[in-house]
Amino acid sequence: MLADALAEAEATTELAPLVAALHRLPTPG
């Protein structure tokens, strides 16, 4: 269970910059 939580946290950390970049894009429409 702890390993799953760590893996999820690591994935979230890796995705954070990508998500931030997406939010900076102008929204279509």
PDB file of N, CA and C in Angstrom:
ATOM      1  N   MET A   1       0.836  -1.206   0.000  1.00  0.00           N
ATOM      2  CA  MET A   1       0.000   0.000   0.000  1.00  0.00           C
ATOM      3  C   MET A   1       0.869   1.254   0.000  1.00  0.00           C
ATOM      4  N   LEU A   2       1.897   1.250   0.842  1.00  0.00           N
ATOM      5  CA  LEU A   2       2.792   2.404   0.895  1.00  0.00           C
ATOM      6  C   LEU A   2       3.501   2.575  -0.444  1.00  0.00           C
ATOM      7  N   ALA A   3       3.885   1.460  -1.051  1.00  0.00           N
ATOM      8  CA  ALA A   3       4.570   1.523  -2.344  1.00  0.00           C
ATOM      9  C   ALA A   3       3.648   2.153  -3.392  1.00  0.00           C
ATOM     10  N   ASP A   4       2.368   1.798  -3.341  1.00  0.00           N
ATOM     11  CA  ASP A   4       1.415   2.374  -4.291  1.00  0.00           C
ATOM     12  C   ASP A   4       1.304   3.878  -4.091  1.00  0.00           C
ATOM     13  N   ALA A   5       1.250   4.302  -2.830  1.00  0.00           N
ATOM     14  CA  ALA A   5       1.132   5.730  -2.532  1.00  0.00           C
ATOM     15  C   ALA A   5       2.370   6.474  -3.028  1.00  0.00           C
ATOM     16  N   LEU A   6       3.543   5.872  -2.815  1.00  0.00           N
ATOM     17  CA  LEU A   6       4.784   6.505  -3.265  1.00  0.00           C
ATOM     18  C   LEU A   6       4.819   6.594  -4.785  1.00  0.00           C
ATOM     19  N   ALA A   7       4.393   5.528  -5.454  1.00  0.00           N
ATOM     20  CA  ALA A   7       4.392   5.525  -6.915  1.00  0.00           C
ATOM     21  C   ALA A   7       3.438   6.591  -7.446  1.00  0.00           C
ATOM     22  N   GLU A   8       2.286   6.706  -6.783  1.00  0.00           N
ATOM     23  CA  GLU A   8       1.304   7.704  -7.221  1.00  0.00           C
ATOM     24  C   GLU A   8       1.853   9.113  -7.010  1.00  0.00           C
ATOM     25  N   ALA A   9       2.501   9.331  -5.883  1.00  0.00           N
ATOM     26  CA  ALA A   9       3.075  10.649  -5.591  1.00  0.00           C
ATOM     27  C   ALA A   9       4.166  10.979  -6.602  1.00  0.00           C
ATOM     28  N   GLU A  10       4.961   9.977  -6.961  1.00  0.00           N
ATOM     29  CA  GLU A  10       6.039  10.207  -7.929  1.00  0.00           C
ATOM     30  C   GLU A  10       5.457  10.555  -9.293  1.00  0.00           C
ATOM     31  N   ALA A  11       4.411   9.835  -9.693  1.00  0.00           N
ATOM     32  CA  ALA A  11       3.777  10.108 -10.979  1.00  0.00           C
ATOM     33  C   ALA A  11       3.180  11.509 -10.982  1.00  0.00           C
ATOM     34  N   THR A  12       2.558  11.887  -9.856  1.00  0.00           N
ATOM     35  CA  THR A  12       1.955  13.216  -9.758  1.00  0.00           C
ATOM     36  C   THR A  12       3.027  14.291  -9.865  1.00  0.00           C
ATOM     37  N   THR A  13       4.171  14.041  -9.232  1.00  0.00           N
ATOM     38  CA  THR A  13       5.267  15.012  -9.269  1.00  0.00           C
ATOM     39  C   THR A  13       5.781  15.176 -10.697  1.00  0.00           C
ATOM     40  N   GLU A  14       5.846  14.061 -11.430  1.00  0.00           N
ATOM     41  CA  GLU A  14       6.340  14.126 -12.806  1.00  0.00           C
ATOM     42  C   GLU A  14       5.340  14.842 -13.710  1.00  0.00           C
ATOM     43  N   LEU A  15       4.052  14.673 -13.418  1.00  0.00           N
ATOM     44  CA  LEU A  15       3.023  15.265 -14.265  1.00  0.00           C
ATOM     45  C   LEU A  15       2.763  16.730 -13.941  1.00  0.00           C
ATOM     46  N   ALA A  16       3.156  17.164 -12.750  1.00  0.00           N
ATOM     47  CA  ALA A  16       2.845  18.527 -12.313  1.00  0.00           C
ATOM     48  C   ALA A  16       3.277  19.597 -13.324  1.00  0.00           C
ATOM     49  N   PRO A  17       4.533  19.566 -13.821  1.00  0.00           N
ATOM     50  CA  PRO A  17       4.946  20.593 -14.791  1.00  0.00           C
ATOM     51  C   PRO A  17       4.115  20.541 -16.074  1.00  0.00           C
ATOM     52  N   LEU A  18       3.752  19.332 -16.495  1.00  0.00           N
ATOM     53  CA  LEU A  18       2.957  19.189 -17.708  1.00  0.00           C
ATOM     54  C   LEU A  18       1.568  19.779 -17.503  1.00  0.00           C
ATOM     55  N   VAL A  19       0.972  19.472 -16.362  1.00  0.00           N
ATOM     56  CA  VAL A  19      -0.359  20.000 -16.056  1.00  0.00           C
ATOM     57  C   VAL A  19      -0.312  21.519 -15.964  1.00  0.00           C
ATOM     58  N   ALA A  20       0.738  22.044 -15.344  1.00  0.00           N
ATOM     59  CA  ALA A  20       0.872  23.498 -15.222  1.00  0.00           C
ATOM     60  C   ALA A  20       0.990  24.133 -16.604  1.00  0.00           C
ATOM     61  N   ALA A  21       1.741  23.503 -17.489  1.00  0.00           N
ATOM     62  CA  ALA A  21       1.905  24.029 -18.841  1.00  0.00           C
ATOM     63  C   ALA A  21       0.565  24.028 -19.571  1.00  0.00           C
ATOM     64  N   LEU A  22      -0.216  22.965 -19.389  1.00  0.00           N
ATOM     65  CA  LEU A  22      -1.523  22.890 -20.036  1.00  0.00           C
ATOM     66  C   LEU A  22      -2.428  24.006 -19.548  1.00  0.00           C
ATOM     67  N   HIS A  23      -2.364  24.301 -18.252  1.00  0.00           N
ATOM     68  CA  HIS A  23      -3.227  25.344 -17.696  1.00  0.00           C
ATOM     69  C   HIS A  23      -2.812  26.730 -18.184  1.00  0.00           C
ATOM     70  N   ARG A  24      -1.556  26.878 -18.594  1.00  0.00           N
ATOM     71  CA  ARG A  24      -1.097  28.178 -19.090  1.00  0.00           C
ATOM     72  C   ARG A  24      -1.536  28.409 -20.541  1.00  0.00           C
ATOM     73  N   LEU A  25      -1.917  27.338 -21.227  1.00  0.00           N
ATOM     74  CA  LEU A  25      -2.353  27.497 -22.609  1.00  0.00           C
ATOM     75  C   LEU A  25      -3.686  28.235 -22.658  1.00  0.00           C
ATOM     76  N   PRO A  26      -3.914  29.016 -23.701  1.00  0.00           N
ATOM     77  CA  PRO A  26      -5.214  29.687 -23.847  1.00  0.00           C
ATOM     78  C   PRO A  26      -6.298  28.643 -24.076  1.00  0.00           C
ATOM     79  N   THR A  27      -7.396  28.781 -23.373  1.00  0.00           N
ATOM     80  CA  THR A  27      -8.472  27.798 -23.499  1.00  0.00           C
ATOM     81  C   THR A  27      -9.218  28.017 -24.809  1.00  0.00           C
ATOM     82  N   PRO A  28      -9.451  26.959 -25.573  1.00  0.00           N
ATOM     83  CA  PRO A  28     -10.176  27.098 -26.839  1.00  0.00           C
ATOM     84  C   PRO A  28     -11.624  27.515 -26.597  1.00  0.00           C
ATOM     85  N   GLY A  29     -12.167  28.308 -27.481  1.00  0.00           N
ATOM     86  CA  GLY A  29     -13.551  28.707 -27.327  1.00  0.00           C
ATOM     87  C   GLY A  29     -13.728  29.843 -26.357  1.00  0.00           C
TER      88      GLY A  29
END
